[in-house]
Amino acid sequence: MKVIGEKVQFVSGDDAVCYGALLAGCTFFAGYPITPATEIAEGMARLLPKIGGIYMQMEDEISSLAACIGASWTGRKCLTATSGPGFSLMQENIGYACMTETPLVIVNVMRSGPSTGQPTLAAQGDIMQARFGTHGDHEIIALYPNSVQESLDLAIQAFNLSEKYRVPVILLLDAEIAHMREKLVIPDDFLIINRVLVTIDTKEYHPFRTGFTHPGSKVPEFAPFGSGYHTYVTGLTHEEHGFPSTTDPHAHDRLVRRLSEKILDDEEALSYLETRFCEDAETFLITYGITSRTALAAVKNARQKEKKVGYVRLKTIWPFPKKTLQHILHDAHDVIVAEMNLGQLIMPVREIFGGARNITKVGGEIFLPEEMERVM
């Protein structure tokens, strides 16, 4: 794509997210500037008009996500970007996007909180909010890169998954990853997935009925506004035709179970992670994001001292890769979770390995390798 420029660049993680979005086919961005995600808004404002896309700066984060939802229903691939306080404001519309099965991507460049916190410093405090921030039973997909290159790669993947499952996908970045600069190689060949569009007679079409094109699928085909199909989109409990059905317990049960199962059925396929030195490991260090870069150095140091330590880095945070981790940790003697919060991902890890312990850090400073080595 000519607007991106040279194949090999030296750019920030925020820039890489912009490039990944464009490569994935994003043509709409709505957002509100907030540190440390503002560079994504600036990048999309600069690049989208060059490809005929639309950039909108909204009055707040609630309206930003609402604009993306509306644009997605016209058939566009949509992106918004924010940080902690803005992500909190988006939660109601994240629930609406889940309920209406609206594909879009939300980038949350995390900073230290709660509240305004430390706007320019990093933390990993939004892990549980990404999963449980909105109310009600629902599933979500959240990906987490640990480099500038992976910020591009997982941005593309986030769009692909949002289109495949018709669900909002969250891309979590650390402030350090967002603002650091590293070598980035623009890929020549990569997979692009687009939502399945309806191709049936309008009399037979129901906007939330599954299996028209792919029997057995739990993801309904998509009919964008203006395509000639009658589509009713509501956040209320609804039947396959889209109209509200708020007093029928069976209708709600069918809907909410399908919304969850369309993601959970593919939990193992969605489990993206990196493992090193796990073949003979007795102690496993589990981590993610910027913390994983320190963790890898700490594990390598420990291996040089003949300690049997394995390295597990999660790229998928949600749905939590439970079955995959169970397989990896089946012979573990000790499991340590390192994260820049007071203990969040440790909770689902303890569902697998009850004796898992954690090493935590808050205040805006990243871990040093020796801090991790001391607990191994």
Protein backbone atom coordinates (compact mmCIF):
# COMPACT_ATOMS: atom_id res chain seq x y z
CA MET A 1 0.00 0.00 0.00
CA LYS A 2 1.69 3.16 -1.23
CA VAL A 3 0.39 5.41 1.57
CA ILE A 4 2.35 3.37 4.12
CA GLY A 5 5.68 4.04 2.47
CA GLU A 6 8.90 2.04 2.63
CA LYS A 7 8.81 -1.71 3.24
CA VAL A 8 11.33 -1.45 6.10
CA GLN A 9 10.82 1.37 8.58
CA PHE A 10 11.83 2.48 12.05
CA VAL A 11 8.52 3.40 13.70
CA SER A 12 6.51 3.27 16.92
CA GLY A 13 3.97 0.68 18.00
CA ASP A 14 1.18 3.21 17.52
CA ASP A 15 2.33 3.75 13.91
CA ALA A 16 2.45 -0.01 13.39
CA VAL A 17 -1.17 -0.34 14.55
CA CYS A 18 -2.20 2.23 11.94
CA TYR A 19 -0.37 0.32 9.23
CA GLY A 20 -1.89 -2.98 10.28
CA ALA A 21 -5.38 -1.50 10.27
CA LEU A 22 -4.94 -0.12 6.76
CA LEU A 23 -3.52 -3.39 5.46
CA ALA A 24 -6.50 -5.22 6.96
CA GLY A 25 -8.89 -2.99 5.03
CA CYS A 26 -9.90 -0.43 7.65
CA THR A 27 -11.57 2.61 6.07
CA PHE A 28 -13.14 4.31 9.12
CA PHE A 29 -11.74 5.67 12.36
CA ALA A 30 -13.58 7.55 15.09
CA GLY A 31 -11.82 8.54 18.27
CA TYR A 32 -10.90 11.09 20.89
CA PRO A 33 -7.25 11.91 21.64
CA ILE A 34 -5.82 10.52 24.87
CA THR A 35 -2.28 9.72 26.01
CA PRO A 36 -0.65 7.36 25.09
CA ALA A 37 -2.94 6.43 22.17
CA THR A 38 -3.16 9.82 20.48
CA GLU A 39 -0.57 8.91 17.83
CA ILE A 40 -2.97 6.28 16.47
CA ALA A 41 -5.64 8.92 15.94
CA GLU A 42 -3.06 11.24 14.37
CA GLY A 43 -1.81 8.49 12.07
CA MET A 44 -5.28 7.52 10.90
CA ALA A 45 -6.20 11.18 10.37
CA ARG A 46 -3.17 11.52 8.12
CA LEU A 47 -3.49 8.24 6.21
CA LEU A 48 -7.19 7.46 5.83
CA PRO A 49 -8.04 10.36 3.47
CA LYS A 50 -5.30 9.15 1.12
CA ILE A 51 -7.22 5.91 0.50
CA GLY A 52 -10.70 7.41 0.47
CA GLY A 53 -11.38 6.50 4.08
CA ILE A 54 -13.07 8.58 6.76
CA TYR A 55 -11.60 9.98 9.98
CA MET A 56 -13.86 11.49 12.64
CA GLN A 57 -12.76 13.10 15.88
CA MET A 58 -15.67 12.71 18.27
CA GLU A 59 -16.59 14.58 21.44
CA ASP A 60 -15.78 11.63 23.71
CA GLU A 61 -15.03 7.93 23.74
CA ILE A 62 -18.66 6.87 24.13
CA SER A 63 -19.60 8.55 20.87
CA SER A 64 -16.39 7.34 19.22
CA LEU A 65 -17.37 3.72 19.62
CA ALA A 66 -20.99 4.51 18.71
CA ALA A 67 -19.78 6.03 15.44
CA CYS A 68 -17.70 2.93 14.71
CA ILE A 69 -20.70 0.68 15.36
CA GLY A 70 -22.82 2.70 12.94
CA ALA A 71 -20.10 2.73 10.30
CA SER A 72 -19.56 -1.01 10.67
CA TRP A 73 -23.21 -1.62 9.88
CA THR A 74 -22.72 0.16 6.56
CA GLY A 75 -20.10 -2.48 5.73
CA ARG A 76 -16.89 -0.66 6.68
CA LYS A 77 -14.03 -2.07 8.74
CA CYS A 78 -13.71 0.27 11.71
CA LEU A 79 -11.11 1.16 14.33
CA THR A 80 -11.04 3.24 17.47
CA ALA A 81 -8.19 3.79 19.92
CA THR A 82 -8.10 4.95 23.52
CA SER A 83 -6.50 4.49 26.93
CA GLY A 84 -7.78 3.58 30.42
CA PRO A 85 -10.32 6.34 31.22
CA GLY A 86 -11.63 6.30 27.65
CA PHE A 87 -11.83 2.52 27.66
CA SER A 88 -13.99 2.76 30.78
CA LEU A 89 -16.34 5.11 28.94
CA MET A 90 -16.66 2.68 26.05
CA GLN A 91 -17.93 -0.24 28.11
CA GLU A 92 -21.65 0.23 27.48
CA ASN A 93 -21.13 0.34 23.74
CA ILE A 94 -18.78 -2.65 23.88
CA GLY A 95 -21.70 -4.59 25.34
CA TYR A 96 -23.97 -3.23 22.60
CA ALA A 97 -21.47 -4.30 19.93
CA CYS A 98 -21.32 -7.80 21.45
CA MET A 99 -25.12 -8.06 21.57
CA THR A 100 -25.60 -6.79 18.01
CA GLU A 101 -22.64 -8.81 16.69
CA THR A 102 -20.91 -5.78 15.24
CA PRO A 103 -17.37 -6.36 13.94
CA LEU A 104 -14.83 -3.67 14.87
CA VAL A 105 -11.45 -3.23 16.57
CA ILE A 106 -10.72 -1.31 19.77
CA VAL A 107 -7.12 -0.47 20.68
CA ASN A 108 -6.50 0.17 24.37
CA VAL A 109 -3.02 1.58 24.96
CA MET A 110 -2.80 1.00 28.69
CA ARG A 111 -1.55 3.49 31.22
CA SER A 112 -1.37 3.45 35.00
CA GLY A 113 -4.65 3.93 36.88
CA PRO A 114 -7.23 3.94 38.29
CA SER A 115 -8.84 7.19 37.19
CA THR A 116 -6.46 9.60 35.47
CA GLY A 117 -3.54 7.85 37.15
CA GLN A 118 -0.18 8.26 35.47
CA PRO A 119 -1.04 9.34 31.90
CA THR A 120 2.45 8.93 30.47
CA LEU A 121 3.51 5.77 32.30
CA ALA A 122 2.72 2.15 31.62
CA ALA A 123 0.77 -0.53 33.42
CA GLN A 124 -1.13 -3.69 32.63
CA GLY A 125 -4.15 -2.90 34.76
CA ASP A 126 -6.95 -3.32 32.21
CA ILE A 127 -6.69 -7.10 31.77
CA MET A 128 -9.85 -7.97 33.68
CA GLN A 129 -11.70 -4.90 32.41
CA ALA A 130 -11.13 -6.06 28.84
CA ARG A 131 -12.93 -9.29 29.69
CA PHE A 132 -15.57 -8.22 32.21
CA GLY A 133 -15.90 -4.45 31.73
CA THR A 134 -19.35 -4.57 30.22
CA HIS A 135 -22.26 -6.16 32.04
CA GLY A 136 -23.98 -9.46 31.35
CA ASP A 137 -22.73 -12.78 30.02
CA HIS A 138 -20.59 -12.37 26.94
CA GLU A 139 -17.29 -13.45 25.44
CA ILE A 140 -14.63 -11.20 23.98
CA ILE A 141 -11.39 -11.57 22.03
CA ALA A 142 -8.36 -9.63 23.28
CA LEU A 143 -4.89 -9.83 21.73
CA TYR A 144 -1.63 -8.51 23.20
CA PRO A 145 1.58 -7.81 21.19
CA ASN A 146 5.02 -7.37 22.73
CA SER A 147 6.82 -5.60 19.87
CA VAL A 148 6.33 -3.01 17.16
CA GLN A 149 6.27 -5.71 14.48
CA GLU A 150 3.68 -7.70 16.37
CA SER A 151 1.57 -4.56 16.82
CA LEU A 152 1.12 -4.56 13.05
CA ASP A 153 0.69 -8.31 12.78
CA LEU A 154 -1.87 -8.59 15.57
CA ALA A 155 -3.74 -5.51 14.33
CA ILE A 156 -4.35 -7.40 11.08
CA GLN A 157 -5.33 -10.47 13.07
CA ALA A 158 -7.69 -8.42 15.24
CA PHE A 159 -9.58 -7.26 12.16
CA ASN A 160 -9.68 -10.78 10.77
CA LEU A 161 -11.12 -12.19 13.98
CA SER A 162 -13.66 -9.39 14.31
CA GLU A 163 -14.89 -10.13 10.80
CA LYS A 164 -14.88 -13.91 11.24
CA TYR A 165 -16.77 -13.96 14.54
CA ARG A 166 -18.73 -10.70 14.20
CA VAL A 167 -17.49 -9.45 17.53
CA PRO A 168 -15.55 -6.44 18.84
CA VAL A 169 -11.89 -7.39 19.21
CA ILE A 170 -9.64 -5.59 21.69
CA LEU A 171 -5.97 -4.99 20.95
CA LEU A 172 -4.13 -4.30 24.20
CA LEU A 173 -0.86 -2.36 24.05
CA ASP A 174 1.52 -1.19 26.72
CA ALA A 175 2.51 2.48 26.68
CA GLU A 176 6.13 1.37 26.12
CA ILE A 177 5.24 -0.74 23.09
CA ALA A 178 3.09 2.08 21.72
CA HIS A 179 5.83 4.69 22.00
CA MET A 180 9.04 2.71 21.47
CA ARG A 181 10.55 2.61 18.00
CA GLU A 182 11.81 -0.57 16.40
CA LYS A 183 12.43 -2.02 12.99
CA LEU A 184 9.18 -2.81 11.18
CA VAL A 185 8.90 -4.85 8.00
CA ILE A 186 5.69 -4.35 6.01
CA PRO A 187 4.56 -7.86 5.01
CA ASP A 188 4.06 -8.73 1.36
CA ASP A 189 1.67 -11.60 1.95
CA PHE A 190 -0.91 -11.95 4.71
CA LEU A 191 -4.38 -13.37 5.24
CA ILE A 192 -7.40 -11.08 5.04
CA ILE A 193 -10.81 -12.24 6.29
CA ASN A 194 -14.01 -10.39 5.44
CA ARG A 195 -17.43 -10.86 7.01
CA VAL A 196 -19.74 -13.27 5.20
CA LEU A 197 -22.40 -11.27 3.35
CA VAL A 198 -25.96 -12.42 2.81
CA THR A 199 -26.75 -13.74 -0.69
CA ILE A 200 -30.29 -15.07 -0.25
CA ASP A 201 -33.81 -14.00 -1.13
CA THR A 202 -34.94 -11.13 1.08
CA LYS A 203 -38.12 -12.98 2.06
CA GLU A 204 -36.10 -15.70 3.76
CA TYR A 205 -33.57 -13.45 5.45
CA HIS A 206 -33.44 -12.97 9.22
CA PRO A 207 -30.47 -10.83 10.32
CA PHE A 208 -29.50 -13.03 13.27
CA ARG A 209 -30.24 -16.46 11.87
CA THR A 210 -27.18 -18.65 11.36
CA GLY A 211 -26.41 -21.34 8.83
CA PHE A 212 -27.62 -19.76 5.59
CA THR A 213 -24.26 -20.09 3.84
CA HIS A 214 -22.33 -22.30 6.26
CA PRO A 215 -24.52 -24.94 7.95
CA GLY A 216 -23.56 -25.39 11.58
CA SER A 217 -21.97 -21.95 11.92
CA LYS A 218 -22.97 -19.90 14.96
CA VAL A 219 -22.05 -16.62 13.26
CA PRO A 220 -24.87 -15.03 11.23
CA GLU A 221 -24.26 -13.68 7.74
CA PHE A 222 -24.09 -9.90 7.47
CA ALA A 223 -26.37 -7.56 5.54
CA PRO A 224 -25.06 -3.98 5.59
CA PHE A 225 -27.48 -1.10 5.81
CA GLY A 226 -28.47 -0.03 2.33
CA SER A 227 -28.08 -3.47 0.78
CA GLY A 228 -31.82 -4.02 0.37
CA TYR A 229 -32.40 -6.24 3.39
CA HIS A 230 -34.63 -5.24 6.29
CA THR A 231 -32.44 -5.31 9.38
CA TYR A 232 -33.47 -4.38 12.91
CA VAL A 233 -30.50 -3.87 15.23
CA THR A 234 -31.15 -3.61 18.96
CA GLY A 235 -29.24 -4.15 22.16
CA LEU A 236 -32.35 -5.72 23.66
CA THR A 237 -32.71 -9.48 23.75
CA HIS A 238 -33.89 -10.43 20.27
CA GLU A 239 -34.91 -13.40 18.18
CA GLU A 240 -33.40 -14.30 14.79
CA HIS A 241 -35.52 -11.66 13.04
CA GLY A 242 -33.93 -8.97 15.21
CA PHE A 243 -37.03 -7.70 16.96
CA PRO A 244 -36.99 -7.42 20.77
CA SER A 245 -38.04 -10.42 22.82
CA THR A 246 -37.26 -9.27 26.34
CA THR A 247 -39.68 -11.37 28.39
CA ASP A 248 -38.94 -14.80 26.89
CA PRO A 249 -36.32 -16.60 29.02
CA HIS A 250 -35.73 -19.18 26.31
CA ALA A 251 -35.00 -16.52 23.69
CA HIS A 252 -32.44 -14.89 25.96
CA ASP A 253 -30.84 -18.20 26.83
CA ARG A 254 -30.51 -19.18 23.14
CA LEU A 255 -29.05 -15.83 22.16
CA VAL A 256 -26.52 -15.42 24.96
CA ARG A 257 -25.32 -19.01 24.71
CA ARG A 258 -24.77 -18.65 20.97
CA LEU A 259 -22.89 -15.36 21.41
CA SER A 260 -20.56 -17.09 23.87
CA GLU A 261 -20.25 -20.43 22.09
CA LYS A 262 -19.28 -18.95 18.73
CA ILE A 263 -16.02 -17.87 20.43
CA LEU A 264 -15.57 -20.56 23.09
CA ASP A 265 -16.04 -23.36 20.57
CA ASP A 266 -12.82 -22.13 18.92
CA GLU A 267 -10.90 -21.45 22.14
CA GLU A 268 -7.95 -23.65 21.17
CA ALA A 269 -7.75 -22.21 17.64
CA LEU A 270 -7.70 -18.72 19.18
CA SER A 271 -4.91 -19.59 21.63
CA TYR A 272 -1.92 -17.68 20.28
CA LEU A 273 1.13 -17.98 22.51
CA GLU A 274 4.90 -18.35 22.43
CA THR A 275 6.79 -20.95 24.42
CA ARG A 276 10.52 -21.43 24.97
CA PHE A 277 12.54 -23.90 27.02
CA CYS A 278 9.39 -25.76 28.07
CA GLU A 279 10.43 -29.29 27.12
CA ASP A 280 12.24 -30.03 30.40
CA ALA A 281 10.92 -27.15 32.49
CA GLU A 282 9.84 -27.59 36.08
CA THR A 283 9.19 -23.90 36.75
CA PHE A 284 7.16 -21.90 34.24
CA LEU A 285 7.13 -18.11 33.95
CA ILE A 286 3.90 -16.85 32.33
CA THR A 287 3.76 -13.29 31.08
CA TYR A 288 2.62 -10.95 28.31
CA GLY A 289 3.27 -7.61 26.64
CA ILE A 290 6.26 -5.48 27.61
CA THR A 291 6.78 -7.62 30.73
CA SER A 292 7.48 -10.64 28.54
CA ARG A 293 10.58 -9.01 27.09
CA THR A 294 12.12 -8.77 30.54
CA ALA A 295 10.85 -12.25 31.36
CA LEU A 296 12.64 -13.82 28.40
CA ALA A 297 15.94 -12.27 29.52
CA ALA A 298 15.35 -13.53 33.06
CA VAL A 299 14.57 -17.06 31.85
CA LYS A 300 17.69 -17.13 29.67
CA ASN A 301 19.79 -16.06 32.66
CA ALA A 302 18.19 -18.75 34.79
CA ARG A 303 18.87 -21.43 32.14
CA GLN A 304 22.54 -20.44 32.12
CA LYS A 305 22.54 -21.19 35.85
CA GLU A 306 21.08 -24.64 35.04
CA LYS A 307 17.62 -23.83 36.43
CA LYS A 308 14.84 -25.64 34.58
CA VAL A 309 12.67 -22.62 33.81
CA GLY A 310 10.24 -22.38 30.90
CA TYR A 311 8.88 -19.26 29.23
CA VAL A 312 5.22 -18.85 28.23
CA ARG A 313 4.05 -15.64 26.57
CA LEU A 314 0.37 -15.10 25.93
CA LYS A 315 -0.61 -13.30 22.74
CA THR A 316 -4.27 -14.15 23.32
CA ILE A 317 -5.48 -12.93 26.69
CA TRP A 318 -9.19 -13.59 26.07
CA PRO A 319 -10.64 -16.09 25.54
CA PHE A 320 -8.16 -17.38 28.09
CA PRO A 321 -6.20 -20.28 26.53
CA LYS A 322 -7.15 -22.70 29.28
CA LYS A 323 -6.83 -26.02 27.43
CA THR A 324 -3.56 -25.06 25.78
CA LEU A 325 -2.03 -23.97 29.10
CA GLN A 326 -3.26 -27.12 30.81
CA HIS A 327 -1.30 -29.14 28.29
CA ILE A 328 1.85 -27.02 28.72
CA LEU A 329 1.72 -27.02 32.53
CA HIS A 330 0.74 -30.65 33.06
CA ASP A 331 4.14 -31.54 34.64
CA ALA A 332 4.85 -28.17 36.26
CA HIS A 333 6.27 -28.01 39.78
CA ASP A 334 5.97 -24.23 40.04
CA VAL A 335 4.16 -21.56 38.04
CA ILE A 336 4.90 -17.82 38.28
CA VAL A 337 2.86 -15.06 36.62
CA ALA A 338 4.63 -11.74 36.09
CA GLU A 339 2.49 -8.68 35.35
CA MET A 340 2.46 -4.93 35.87
CA ASN A 341 -0.55 -4.83 38.16
CA LEU A 342 -1.36 -6.19 41.59
CA GLY A 343 -2.52 -9.54 40.22
CA GLN A 344 -5.07 -9.98 37.43
CA LEU A 345 -4.12 -12.72 34.98
CA ILE A 346 -2.99 -14.78 37.96
CA MET A 347 -6.67 -15.53 38.65
CA PRO A 348 -7.45 -17.62 35.53
CA VAL A 349 -3.98 -19.20 35.78
CA ARG A 350 -4.84 -20.42 39.29
CA GLU A 351 -7.92 -22.14 37.88
CA ILE A 352 -5.44 -24.37 36.03
CA PHE A 353 -2.59 -24.52 38.55
CA GLY A 354 -3.89 -23.75 42.00
CA GLY A 355 -0.49 -23.09 43.52
CA ALA A 356 0.54 -20.47 40.97
CA ARG A 357 2.23 -17.45 42.49
CA ASN A 358 2.84 -14.02 41.06
CA ILE A 359 5.33 -11.22 40.90
CA THR A 360 3.74 -7.80 40.49
CA LYS A 361 4.83 -4.25 39.90
CA VAL A 362 2.98 -0.93 39.68
CA GLY A 363 4.08 2.67 39.51
CA GLY A 364 4.99 2.97 35.86
CA GLU A 365 8.38 1.23 35.82
CA ILE A 366 8.87 -2.02 33.92
CA PHE A 367 10.46 -5.08 35.49
CA LEU A 368 14.20 -5.66 35.58
CA PRO A 369 15.43 -9.21 34.85
CA GLU A 370 16.98 -9.56 38.29
CA GLU A 371 13.62 -8.82 39.93
CA MET A 372 12.16 -11.86 38.21
CA GLU A 373 15.21 -14.04 38.79
CA ARG A 374 14.90 -13.58 42.53
CA VAL A 375 11.57 -15.41 42.64
CA MET A 376 12.56 -18.38 40.43
